[in-house]
mmCIF file of all heavy atoms, coordinates in Angstrom:
data_MODEL
# 
_entry.id   MODEL 
# 
loop_
_atom_site.group_PDB 
_atom_site.id 
_atom_site.type_symbol 
_atom_site.label_atom_id 
_atom_site.label_alt_id 
_atom_site.label_comp_id 
_atom_site.label_asym_id 
_atom_site.label_entity_id 
_atom_site.label_seq_id 
_atom_site.pdbx_PDB_ins_code 
_atom_site.Cartn_x 
_atom_site.Cartn_y 
_atom_site.Cartn_z 
_atom_site.occupancy 
_atom_site.B_iso_or_equiv 
_atom_site.pdbx_formal_charge 
_atom_site.auth_seq_id 
_atom_site.auth_comp_id 
_atom_site.auth_asym_id 
_atom_site.auth_atom_id 
_atom_site.pdbx_PDB_model_num 
ATOM 1   N N   . LYS A 1 1  ? -2.822  -9.091  5.088   1.00 0.00 ? 1  LYS A N   1 
ATOM 2   C CA  . LYS A 1 1  ? -1.456  -8.602  5.011   1.00 0.00 ? 1  LYS A CA  1 
ATOM 3   C C   . LYS A 1 1  ? -0.910  -8.691  3.589   1.00 0.00 ? 1  LYS A C   1 
ATOM 4   O O   . LYS A 1 1  ? -0.184  -7.801  3.129   1.00 0.00 ? 1  LYS A O   1 
ATOM 5   C CB  . LYS A 1 1  ? -0.549  -9.376  5.967   1.00 0.00 ? 1  LYS A CB  1 
ATOM 6   C CG  . LYS A 1 1  ? -0.800  -9.035  7.418   1.00 0.00 ? 1  LYS A CG  1 
ATOM 7   C CD  . LYS A 1 1  ? 0.138   -9.856  8.306   1.00 0.00 ? 1  LYS A CD  1 
ATOM 8   C CE  . LYS A 1 1  ? -0.086  -9.518  9.769   1.00 0.00 ? 1  LYS A CE  1 
ATOM 9   N NZ  . LYS A 1 1  ? 0.842   -10.315 10.625  1.00 0.00 ? 1  LYS A NZ  1 
ATOM 10  N N   . ALA A 1 2  ? -1.265  -9.753  2.882   1.00 0.00 ? 2  ALA A N   1 
ATOM 11  C CA  . ALA A 1 2  ? -0.845  -9.897  1.466   1.00 0.00 ? 2  ALA A CA  1 
ATOM 12  C C   . ALA A 1 2  ? -1.499  -8.776  0.622   1.00 0.00 ? 2  ALA A C   1 
ATOM 13  O O   . ALA A 1 2  ? -0.868  -8.256  -0.286  1.00 0.00 ? 2  ALA A O   1 
ATOM 14  C CB  . ALA A 1 2  ? -1.242  -11.272 0.978   1.00 0.00 ? 2  ALA A CB  1 
ATOM 15  N N   . GLN A 1 3  ? -2.735  -8.451  0.922   1.00 0.00 ? 3  GLN A N   1 
ATOM 16  C CA  . GLN A 1 3  ? -3.423  -7.367  0.221   1.00 0.00 ? 3  GLN A CA  1 
ATOM 17  C C   . GLN A 1 3  ? -2.685  -6.044  0.458   1.00 0.00 ? 3  GLN A C   1 
ATOM 18  O O   . GLN A 1 3  ? -2.519  -5.252  -0.460  1.00 0.00 ? 3  GLN A O   1 
ATOM 19  C CB  . GLN A 1 3  ? -4.871  -7.296  0.681   1.00 0.00 ? 3  GLN A CB  1 
ATOM 20  C CG  . GLN A 1 3  ? -5.694  -6.267  -0.073  1.00 0.00 ? 3  GLN A CG  1 
ATOM 21  C CD  . GLN A 1 3  ? -7.138  -6.211  0.401   1.00 0.00 ? 3  GLN A CD  1 
ATOM 22  O OE1 . GLN A 1 3  ? -7.566  -6.965  1.277   1.00 0.00 ? 3  GLN A OE1 1 
ATOM 23  N NE2 . GLN A 1 3  ? -7.911  -5.314  -0.173  1.00 0.00 ? 3  GLN A NE2 1 
ATOM 24  N N   . VAL A 1 4  ? -2.271  -5.828  1.694   1.00 0.00 ? 4  VAL A N   1 
ATOM 25  C CA  . VAL A 1 4  ? -1.510  -4.599  2.013   1.00 0.00 ? 4  VAL A CA  1 
ATOM 26  C C   . VAL A 1 4  ? -0.247  -4.548  1.188   1.00 0.00 ? 4  VAL A C   1 
ATOM 27  O O   . VAL A 1 4  ? 0.083   -3.506  0.618   1.00 0.00 ? 4  VAL A O   1 
ATOM 28  C CB  . VAL A 1 4  ? -1.216  -4.551  3.530   1.00 0.00 ? 4  VAL A CB  1 
ATOM 29  C CG1 . VAL A 1 4  ? -0.182  -3.482  3.852   1.00 0.00 ? 4  VAL A CG1 1 
ATOM 30  C CG2 . VAL A 1 4  ? -2.473  -4.342  4.320   1.00 0.00 ? 4  VAL A CG2 1 
ATOM 31  N N   . LYS A 1 5  ? 0.464   -5.644  1.138   1.00 0.00 ? 5  LYS A N   1 
ATOM 32  C CA  . LYS A 1 5  ? 1.722   -5.704  0.413   1.00 0.00 ? 5  LYS A CA  1 
ATOM 33  C C   . LYS A 1 5  ? 1.518   -5.417  -1.063  1.00 0.00 ? 5  LYS A C   1 
ATOM 34  O O   . LYS A 1 5  ? 2.258   -4.650  -1.659  1.00 0.00 ? 5  LYS A O   1 
ATOM 35  C CB  . LYS A 1 5  ? 2.373   -7.069  0.606   1.00 0.00 ? 5  LYS A CB  1 
ATOM 36  C CG  . LYS A 1 5  ? 3.748   -7.202  -0.009  1.00 0.00 ? 5  LYS A CG  1 
ATOM 37  C CD  . LYS A 1 5  ? 4.352   -8.565  0.302   1.00 0.00 ? 5  LYS A CD  1 
ATOM 38  C CE  . LYS A 1 5  ? 5.699   -8.699  -0.338  1.00 0.00 ? 5  LYS A CE  1 
ATOM 39  N NZ  . LYS A 1 5  ? 6.337   -9.992  -0.034  1.00 0.00 ? 5  LYS A NZ  1 
ATOM 40  N N   . ARG A 1 6  ? 0.494   -6.034  -1.662  1.00 0.00 ? 6  ARG A N   1 
ATOM 41  C CA  . ARG A 1 6  ? 0.205   -5.800  -3.096  1.00 0.00 ? 6  ARG A CA  1 
ATOM 42  C C   . ARG A 1 6  ? -0.171  -4.370  -3.368  1.00 0.00 ? 6  ARG A C   1 
ATOM 43  O O   . ARG A 1 6  ? 0.253   -3.783  -4.352  1.00 0.00 ? 6  ARG A O   1 
ATOM 44  C CB  . ARG A 1 6  ? -0.898  -6.751  -3.575  1.00 0.00 ? 6  ARG A CB  1 
ATOM 45  C CG  . ARG A 1 6  ? -0.469  -8.177  -3.717  1.00 0.00 ? 6  ARG A CG  1 
ATOM 46  C CD  . ARG A 1 6  ? -1.518  -9.045  -4.415  1.00 0.00 ? 6  ARG A CD  1 
ATOM 47  N NE  . ARG A 1 6  ? -2.856  -8.909  -3.835  1.00 0.00 ? 6  ARG A NE  1 
ATOM 48  C CZ  . ARG A 1 6  ? -3.322  -9.681  -2.850  1.00 0.00 ? 6  ARG A CZ  1 
ATOM 49  N NH1 . ARG A 1 6  ? -2.571  -10.624 -2.321  1.00 0.00 ? 6  ARG A NH1 1 
ATOM 50  N NH2 . ARG A 1 6  ? -4.559  -9.494  -2.401  1.00 0.00 ? 6  ARG A NH2 1 
ATOM 51  N N   . LEU A 1 7  ? -0.973  -3.778  -2.496  1.00 0.00 ? 7  LEU A N   1 
ATOM 52  C CA  . LEU A 1 7  ? -1.396  -2.391  -2.647  1.00 0.00 ? 7  LEU A CA  1 
ATOM 53  C C   . LEU A 1 7  ? -0.173  -1.475  -2.617  1.00 0.00 ? 7  LEU A C   1 
ATOM 54  O O   . LEU A 1 7  ? -0.003  -0.625  -3.520  1.00 0.00 ? 7  LEU A O   1 
ATOM 55  C CB  . LEU A 1 7  ? -2.386  -1.966  -1.561  1.00 0.00 ? 7  LEU A CB  1 
ATOM 56  C CG  . LEU A 1 7  ? -2.732  -0.477  -1.514  1.00 0.00 ? 7  LEU A CG  1 
ATOM 57  C CD1 . LEU A 1 7  ? -3.482  -0.074  -2.776  1.00 0.00 ? 7  LEU A CD1 1 
ATOM 58  C CD2 . LEU A 1 7  ? -3.558  -0.179  -0.290  1.00 0.00 ? 7  LEU A CD2 1 
ATOM 59  N N   . ARG A 1 8  ? 0.662   -1.677  -1.633  1.00 0.00 ? 8  ARG A N   1 
ATOM 60  C CA  . ARG A 1 8  ? 1.849   -0.819  -1.517  1.00 0.00 ? 8  ARG A CA  1 
ATOM 61  C C   . ARG A 1 8  ? 2.762   -0.943  -2.724  1.00 0.00 ? 8  ARG A C   1 
ATOM 62  O O   . ARG A 1 8  ? 3.265   0.049   -3.258  1.00 0.00 ? 8  ARG A O   1 
ATOM 63  C CB  . ARG A 1 8  ? 2.612   -1.157  -0.244  1.00 0.00 ? 8  ARG A CB  1 
ATOM 64  C CG  . ARG A 1 8  ? 3.760   -0.205  -0.001  1.00 0.00 ? 8  ARG A CG  1 
ATOM 65  C CD  . ARG A 1 8  ? 4.374   -0.401  1.338   1.00 0.00 ? 8  ARG A CD  1 
ATOM 66  N NE  . ARG A 1 8  ? 5.460   0.573   1.509   1.00 0.00 ? 8  ARG A NE  1 
ATOM 67  C CZ  . ARG A 1 8  ? 6.533   0.361   2.182   1.00 0.00 ? 8  ARG A CZ  1 
ATOM 68  N NH1 . ARG A 1 8  ? 6.710   -0.796  2.825   1.00 0.00 ? 8  ARG A NH1 1 
ATOM 69  N NH2 . ARG A 1 8  ? 7.482   1.267   2.235   1.00 0.00 ? 8  ARG A NH2 1 
ATOM 70  N N   . GLN A 1 9  ? 2.988   -2.162  -3.187  1.00 0.00 ? 9  GLN A N   1 
ATOM 71  C CA  . GLN A 1 9  ? 3.845   -2.384  -4.341  1.00 0.00 ? 9  GLN A CA  1 
ATOM 72  C C   . GLN A 1 9  ? 3.249   -1.699  -5.602  1.00 0.00 ? 9  GLN A C   1 
ATOM 73  O O   . GLN A 1 9  ? 3.983   -1.071  -6.378  1.00 0.00 ? 9  GLN A O   1 
ATOM 74  C CB  . GLN A 1 9  ? 4.035   -3.874  -4.597  1.00 0.00 ? 9  GLN A CB  1 
ATOM 75  C CG  . GLN A 1 9  ? 4.921   -4.546  -3.590  1.00 0.00 ? 9  GLN A CG  1 
ATOM 76  C CD  . GLN A 1 9  ? 4.947   -6.058  -3.751  1.00 0.00 ? 9  GLN A CD  1 
ATOM 77  O OE1 . GLN A 1 9  ? 4.115   -6.654  -4.400  1.00 0.00 ? 9  GLN A OE1 1 
ATOM 78  N NE2 . GLN A 1 9  ? 5.942   -6.687  -3.144  1.00 0.00 ? 9  GLN A NE2 1 
ATOM 79  N N   . ALA A 1 10 ? 1.965   -1.839  -5.792  1.00 0.00 ? 10 ALA A N   1 
ATOM 80  C CA  . ALA A 1 10 ? 1.307   -1.238  -6.970  1.00 0.00 ? 10 ALA A CA  1 
ATOM 81  C C   . ALA A 1 10 ? 1.372   0.259   -6.946  1.00 0.00 ? 10 ALA A C   1 
ATOM 82  O O   . ALA A 1 10 ? 1.674   0.904   -7.959  1.00 0.00 ? 10 ALA A O   1 
ATOM 83  C CB  . ALA A 1 10 ? -0.144  -1.721  -7.063  1.00 0.00 ? 10 ALA A CB  1 
ATOM 84  N N   . VAL A 1 11 ? 1.066   0.852   -5.811  1.00 0.00 ? 11 VAL A N   1 
ATOM 85  C CA  . VAL A 1 11 ? 1.071   2.311   -5.711  1.00 0.00 ? 11 VAL A CA  1 
ATOM 86  C C   . VAL A 1 11 ? 2.491   2.853   -5.866  1.00 0.00 ? 11 VAL A C   1 
ATOM 87  O O   . VAL A 1 11 ? 2.718   3.845   -6.558  1.00 0.00 ? 11 VAL A O   1 
ATOM 88  C CB  . VAL A 1 11 ? 0.440   2.751   -4.368  1.00 0.00 ? 11 VAL A CB  1 
ATOM 89  C CG1 . VAL A 1 11 ? 0.612   4.204   -4.122  1.00 0.00 ? 11 VAL A CG1 1 
ATOM 90  C CG2 . VAL A 1 11 ? -1.051  2.397   -4.340  1.00 0.00 ? 11 VAL A CG2 1 
ATOM 91  N N   . ASN A 1 12 ? 3.437   2.190   -5.223  1.00 0.00 ? 12 ASN A N   1 
ATOM 92  C CA  . ASN A 1 12 ? 4.840   2.635   -5.346  1.00 0.00 ? 12 ASN A CA  1 
ATOM 93  C C   . ASN A 1 12 ? 5.321   2.492   -6.785  1.00 0.00 ? 12 ASN A C   1 
ATOM 94  O O   . ASN A 1 12 ? 6.036   3.357   -7.298  1.00 0.00 ? 12 ASN A O   1 
ATOM 95  C CB  . ASN A 1 12 ? 5.748   1.892   -4.375  1.00 0.00 ? 12 ASN A CB  1 
ATOM 96  C CG  . ASN A 1 12 ? 5.607   2.368   -2.954  1.00 0.00 ? 12 ASN A CG  1 
ATOM 97  O OD1 . ASN A 1 12 ? 5.239   3.493   -2.693  1.00 0.00 ? 12 ASN A OD1 1 
ATOM 98  N ND2 . ASN A 1 12 ? 5.885   1.483   -2.004  1.00 0.00 ? 12 ASN A ND2 1 
ATOM 99  N N   . ALA A 1 13 ? 4.924   1.407   -7.459  1.00 0.00 ? 13 ALA A N   1 
ATOM 100 C CA  . ALA A 1 13 ? 5.342   1.184   -8.856  1.00 0.00 ? 13 ALA A CA  1 
ATOM 101 C C   . ALA A 1 13 ? 4.748   2.251   -9.770  1.00 0.00 ? 13 ALA A C   1 
ATOM 102 O O   . ALA A 1 13 ? 5.336   2.578   -10.793 1.00 0.00 ? 13 ALA A O   1 
ATOM 103 C CB  . ALA A 1 13 ? 4.926   -0.195  -9.296  1.00 0.00 ? 13 ALA A CB  1 
ATOM 104 N N   . ALA A 1 14 ? 3.602   2.785   -9.394  1.00 0.00 ? 14 ALA A N   1 
ATOM 105 C CA  . ALA A 1 14 ? 2.955   3.832   -10.198 1.00 0.00 ? 14 ALA A CA  1 
ATOM 106 C C   . ALA A 1 14 ? 3.594   5.194   -9.927  1.00 0.00 ? 14 ALA A C   1 
ATOM 107 O O   . ALA A 1 14 ? 3.166   6.171   -10.547 1.00 0.00 ? 14 ALA A O   1 
ATOM 108 C CB  . ALA A 1 14 ? 1.471   3.879   -9.894  1.00 0.00 ? 14 ALA A CB  1 
ATOM 109 N N   . GLY A 1 15 ? 4.564   5.235   -9.027  1.00 0.00 ? 15 GLY A N   1 
ATOM 110 C CA  . GLY A 1 15 ? 5.272   6.490   -8.792  1.00 0.00 ? 15 GLY A CA  1 
ATOM 111 C C   . GLY A 1 15 ? 4.803   7.325   -7.625  1.00 0.00 ? 15 GLY A C   1 
ATOM 112 O O   . GLY A 1 15 ? 5.240   8.448   -7.443  1.00 0.00 ? 15 GLY A O   1 
ATOM 113 N N   . THR A 1 16 ? 3.870   6.789   -6.849  1.00 0.00 ? 16 THR A N   1 
ATOM 114 C CA  . THR A 1 16 ? 3.378   7.516   -5.681  1.00 0.00 ? 16 THR A CA  1 
ATOM 115 C C   . THR A 1 16 ? 3.888   6.811   -4.419  1.00 0.00 ? 16 THR A C   1 
ATOM 116 O O   . THR A 1 16 ? 3.489   5.666   -4.187  1.00 0.00 ? 16 THR A O   1 
ATOM 117 C CB  . THR A 1 16 ? 1.847   7.555   -5.663  1.00 0.00 ? 16 THR A CB  1 
ATOM 118 O OG1 . THR A 1 16 ? 1.382   8.133   -6.864  1.00 0.00 ? 16 THR A OG1 1 
ATOM 119 C CG2 . THR A 1 16 ? 1.313   8.322   -4.462  1.00 0.00 ? 16 THR A CG2 1 
ATOM 120 N N   . PRO A 1 17 ? 4.763   7.440   -3.676  1.00 0.00 ? 17 PRO A N   1 
ATOM 121 C CA  . PRO A 1 17 ? 5.277   6.792   -2.466  1.00 0.00 ? 17 PRO A CA  1 
ATOM 122 C C   . PRO A 1 17 ? 4.152   6.494   -1.460  1.00 0.00 ? 17 PRO A C   1 
ATOM 123 O O   . PRO A 1 17 ? 3.286   7.317   -1.226  1.00 0.00 ? 17 PRO A O   1 
ATOM 124 C CB  . PRO A 1 17 ? 6.247   7.816   -1.884  1.00 0.00 ? 17 PRO A CB  1 
ATOM 125 C CG  . PRO A 1 17 ? 6.533   8.776   -2.980  1.00 0.00 ? 17 PRO A CG  1 
ATOM 126 C CD  . PRO A 1 17 ? 5.346   8.766   -3.893  1.00 0.00 ? 17 PRO A CD  1 
ATOM 127 N N   . MET A 1 18 ? 4.174   5.273   -0.917  1.00 0.00 ? 18 MET A N   1 
ATOM 128 C CA  . MET A 1 18 ? 3.189   4.901   0.120   1.00 0.00 ? 18 MET A CA  1 
ATOM 129 C C   . MET A 1 18 ? 3.950   4.119   1.185   1.00 0.00 ? 18 MET A C   1 
ATOM 130 O O   . MET A 1 18 ? 4.636   3.157   0.875   1.00 0.00 ? 18 MET A O   1 
ATOM 131 C CB  . MET A 1 18 ? 2.100   4.046   -0.489  1.00 0.00 ? 18 MET A CB  1 
ATOM 132 C CG  . MET A 1 18 ? 1.090   3.532   0.547   1.00 0.00 ? 18 MET A CG  1 
ATOM 133 S SD  . MET A 1 18 ? -0.226  2.551   -0.207  1.00 0.00 ? 18 MET A SD  1 
ATOM 134 C CE  . MET A 1 18 ? -1.575  3.707   -0.130  1.00 0.00 ? 18 MET A CE  1 
ATOM 135 N N   . THR A 1 19 ? 3.808   4.547   2.410   1.00 0.00 ? 19 THR A N   1 
ATOM 136 C CA  . THR A 1 19 ? 4.432   3.813   3.527   1.00 0.00 ? 19 THR A CA  1 
ATOM 137 C C   . THR A 1 19 ? 3.627   2.568   3.837   1.00 0.00 ? 19 THR A C   1 
ATOM 138 O O   . THR A 1 19 ? 2.458   2.411   3.437   1.00 0.00 ? 19 THR A O   1 
ATOM 139 C CB  . THR A 1 19 ? 4.514   4.698   4.789   1.00 0.00 ? 19 THR A CB  1 
ATOM 140 O OG1 . THR A 1 19 ? 3.205   4.938   5.269   1.00 0.00 ? 19 THR A OG1 1 
ATOM 141 C CG2 . THR A 1 19 ? 5.245   5.998   4.508   1.00 0.00 ? 19 THR A CG2 1 
ATOM 142 N N   . HIS A 1 20 ? 4.258   1.695   4.606   1.00 0.00 ? 20 HIS A N   1 
ATOM 143 C CA  . HIS A 1 20 ? 3.574   0.473   5.025   1.00 0.00 ? 20 HIS A CA  1 
ATOM 144 C C   . HIS A 1 20 ? 2.347   0.823   5.896   1.00 0.00 ? 20 HIS A C   1 
ATOM 145 O O   . HIS A 1 20 ? 1.267   0.245   5.710   1.00 0.00 ? 20 HIS A O   1 
ATOM 146 C CB  . HIS A 1 20 ? 4.549   -0.437  5.817   1.00 0.00 ? 20 HIS A CB  1 
ATOM 147 C CG  . HIS A 1 20 ? 3.963   -1.733  6.196   1.00 0.00 ? 20 HIS A CG  1 
ATOM 148 N ND1 . HIS A 1 20 ? 3.641   -2.729  5.287   1.00 0.00 ? 20 HIS A ND1 1 
ATOM 149 C CD2 . HIS A 1 20 ? 3.628   -2.223  7.400   1.00 0.00 ? 20 HIS A CD2 1 
ATOM 150 C CE1 . HIS A 1 20 ? 3.144   -3.768  5.910   1.00 0.00 ? 20 HIS A CE1 1 
ATOM 151 N NE2 . HIS A 1 20 ? 3.096   -3.503  7.202   1.00 0.00 ? 20 HIS A NE2 1 
ATOM 152 N N   . VAL A 1 21 ? 2.514   1.783   6.756   1.00 0.00 ? 21 VAL A N   1 
ATOM 153 C CA  . VAL A 1 21 ? 1.377   2.220   7.633   1.00 0.00 ? 21 VAL A CA  1 
ATOM 154 C C   . VAL A 1 21 ? 0.230   2.761   6.799   1.00 0.00 ? 21 VAL A C   1 
ATOM 155 O O   . VAL A 1 21 ? -0.924  2.450   7.065   1.00 0.00 ? 21 VAL A O   1 
ATOM 156 C CB  . VAL A 1 21 ? 1.866   3.248   8.680   1.00 0.00 ? 21 VAL A CB  1 
ATOM 157 C CG1 . VAL A 1 21 ? 0.705   3.836   9.445   1.00 0.00 ? 21 VAL A CG1 1 
ATOM 158 C CG2 . VAL A 1 21 ? 2.852   2.601   9.649   1.00 0.00 ? 21 VAL A CG2 1 
ATOM 159 N N   . GLN A 1 22 ? 0.548   3.566   5.797   1.00 0.00 ? 22 GLN A N   1 
ATOM 160 C CA  . GLN A 1 22 ? -0.507  4.097   4.910   1.00 0.00 ? 22 GLN A CA  1 
ATOM 161 C C   . GLN A 1 22 ? -1.242  2.961   4.198   1.00 0.00 ? 22 GLN A C   1 
ATOM 162 O O   . GLN A 1 22 ? -2.475  3.003   4.065   1.00 0.00 ? 22 GLN A O   1 
ATOM 163 C CB  . GLN A 1 22 ? 0.080   5.056   3.893   1.00 0.00 ? 22 GLN A CB  1 
ATOM 164 C CG  . GLN A 1 22 ? 0.532   6.374   4.470   1.00 0.00 ? 22 GLN A CG  1 
ATOM 165 C CD  . GLN A 1 22 ? 1.320   7.224   3.496   1.00 0.00 ? 22 GLN A CD  1 
ATOM 166 O OE1 . GLN A 1 22 ? 2.081   6.705   2.694   1.00 0.00 ? 22 GLN A OE1 1 
ATOM 167 N NE2 . GLN A 1 22 ? 1.074   8.524   3.551   1.00 0.00 ? 22 GLN A NE2 1 
ATOM 168 N N   . ALA A 1 23 ? -0.519  1.933   3.777   1.00 0.00 ? 23 ALA A N   1 
ATOM 169 C CA  . ALA A 1 23 ? -1.157  0.802   3.094   1.00 0.00 ? 23 ALA A CA  1 
ATOM 170 C C   . ALA A 1 23 ? -2.028  0.032   4.056   1.00 0.00 ? 23 ALA A C   1 
ATOM 171 O O   . ALA A 1 23 ? -3.134  -0.405  3.728   1.00 0.00 ? 23 ALA A O   1 
ATOM 172 C CB  . ALA A 1 23 ? -0.082  -0.111  2.482   1.00 0.00 ? 23 ALA A CB  1 
ATOM 173 N N   . LEU A 1 24 ? -1.566  -0.175  5.298   1.00 0.00 ? 24 LEU A N   1 
ATOM 174 C CA  . LEU A 1 24 ? -2.369  -0.846  6.325   1.00 0.00 ? 24 LEU A CA  1 
ATOM 175 C C   . LEU A 1 24 ? -3.683  -0.113  6.553   1.00 0.00 ? 24 LEU A C   1 
ATOM 176 O O   . LEU A 1 24 ? -4.772  -0.727  6.576   1.00 0.00 ? 24 LEU A O   1 
ATOM 177 C CB  . LEU A 1 24 ? -1.607  -0.936  7.654   1.00 0.00 ? 24 LEU A CB  1 
ATOM 178 C CG  . LEU A 1 24 ? -0.426  -1.888  7.739   1.00 0.00 ? 24 LEU A CG  1 
ATOM 179 C CD1 . LEU A 1 24 ? 0.351   -1.628  9.037   1.00 0.00 ? 24 LEU A CD1 1 
ATOM 180 C CD2 . LEU A 1 24 ? -0.852  -3.324  7.662   1.00 0.00 ? 24 LEU A CD2 1 
ATOM 181 N N   . GLU A 1 25 ? -3.605  1.189   6.706   1.00 0.00 ? 25 GLU A N   1 
ATOM 182 C CA  . GLU A 1 25 ? -4.816  1.983   6.981   1.00 0.00 ? 25 GLU A CA  1 
ATOM 183 C C   . GLU A 1 25 ? -5.739  2.004   5.768   1.00 0.00 ? 25 GLU A C   1 
ATOM 184 O O   . GLU A 1 25 ? -6.960  1.978   5.931   1.00 0.00 ? 25 GLU A O   1 
ATOM 185 C CB  . GLU A 1 25 ? -4.412  3.386   7.405   1.00 0.00 ? 25 GLU A CB  1 
ATOM 186 C CG  . GLU A 1 25 ? -3.597  3.446   8.686   1.00 0.00 ? 25 GLU A CG  1 
ATOM 187 C CD  . GLU A 1 25 ? -4.287  2.805   9.899   1.00 0.00 ? 25 GLU A CD  1 
ATOM 188 O OE1 . GLU A 1 25 ? -5.511  3.015   10.097  1.00 0.00 ? 25 GLU A OE1 1 
ATOM 189 O OE2 . GLU A 1 25 ? -3.606  2.067   10.639  1.00 0.00 ? 25 GLU A OE2 1 
ATOM 190 N N   . ALA A 1 26 ? -5.190  2.037   4.566   1.00 0.00 ? 26 ALA A N   1 
ATOM 191 C CA  . ALA A 1 26 ? -6.008  2.048   3.359   1.00 0.00 ? 26 ALA A CA  1 
ATOM 192 C C   . ALA A 1 26 ? -6.799  0.743   3.219   1.00 0.00 ? 26 ALA A C   1 
ATOM 193 O O   . ALA A 1 26 ? -7.985  0.735   2.910   1.00 0.00 ? 26 ALA A O   1 
ATOM 194 C CB  . ALA A 1 26 ? -5.148  2.250   2.121   1.00 0.00 ? 26 ALA A CB  1 
ATOM 195 N N   . VAL A 1 27 ? -6.144  -0.382  3.485   1.00 0.00 ? 27 VAL A N   1 
ATOM 196 C CA  . VAL A 1 27 ? -6.843  -1.680  3.430   1.00 0.00 ? 27 VAL A CA  1 
ATOM 197 C C   . VAL A 1 27 ? -7.899  -1.751  4.501   1.00 0.00 ? 27 VAL A C   1 
ATOM 198 O O   . VAL A 1 27 ? -9.025  -2.232  4.253   1.00 0.00 ? 27 VAL A O   1 
ATOM 199 C CB  . VAL A 1 27 ? -5.842  -2.840  3.496   1.00 0.00 ? 27 VAL A CB  1 
ATOM 200 C CG1 . VAL A 1 27 ? -6.566  -4.178  3.728   1.00 0.00 ? 27 VAL A CG1 1 
ATOM 201 C CG2 . VAL A 1 27 ? -4.997  -2.886  2.207   1.00 0.00 ? 27 VAL A CG2 1 
ATOM 202 N N   . ALA A 1 28 ? -7.594  -1.275  5.683   1.00 0.00 ? 28 ALA A N   1 
ATOM 203 C CA  . ALA A 1 28 ? -8.581  -1.292  6.766   1.00 0.00 ? 28 ALA A CA  1 
ATOM 204 C C   . ALA A 1 28 ? -9.816  -0.491  6.345   1.00 0.00 ? 28 ALA A C   1 
ATOM 205 O O   . ALA A 1 28 ? -10.967 -0.922  6.555   1.00 0.00 ? 28 ALA A O   1 
ATOM 206 C CB  . ALA A 1 28 ? -7.981  -0.695  8.040   1.00 0.00 ? 28 ALA A CB  1 
ATOM 207 N N   . TYR A 1 29 ? -9.609  0.682   5.781   1.00 0.00 ? 29 TYR A N   1 
ATOM 208 C CA  . TYR A 1 29 ? -10.725 1.523   5.327   1.00 0.00 ? 29 TYR A CA  1 
ATOM 209 C C   . TYR A 1 29 ? -11.555 0.793   4.263   1.00 0.00 ? 29 TYR A C   1 
ATOM 210 O O   . TYR A 1 29 ? -12.768 0.831   4.300   1.00 0.00 ? 29 TYR A O   1 
ATOM 211 C CB  . TYR A 1 29 ? -10.190 2.841   4.812   1.00 0.00 ? 29 TYR A CB  1 
ATOM 212 C CG  . TYR A 1 29 ? -11.268 3.757   4.292   1.00 0.00 ? 29 TYR A CG  1 
ATOM 213 C CD1 . TYR A 1 29 ? -12.060 4.460   5.188   1.00 0.00 ? 29 TYR A CD1 1 
ATOM 214 C CD2 . TYR A 1 29 ? -11.533 3.880   2.933   1.00 0.00 ? 29 TYR A CD2 1 
ATOM 215 C CE1 . TYR A 1 29 ? -13.075 5.296   4.719   1.00 0.00 ? 29 TYR A CE1 1 
ATOM 216 C CE2 . TYR A 1 29 ? -12.534 4.717   2.463   1.00 0.00 ? 29 TYR A CE2 1 
ATOM 217 C CZ  . TYR A 1 29 ? -13.317 5.402   3.373   1.00 0.00 ? 29 TYR A CZ  1 
ATOM 218 O OH  . TYR A 1 29 ? -14.316 6.227   2.906   1.00 0.00 ? 29 TYR A OH  1 
# 
């Protein structure tokens, strides 16, 4: 879950919107 949170924060900070669900699925993959 912490990995999901860091991924979402980093991607959003880079200017690409990412939902929580998208971050969950990306980490799962």
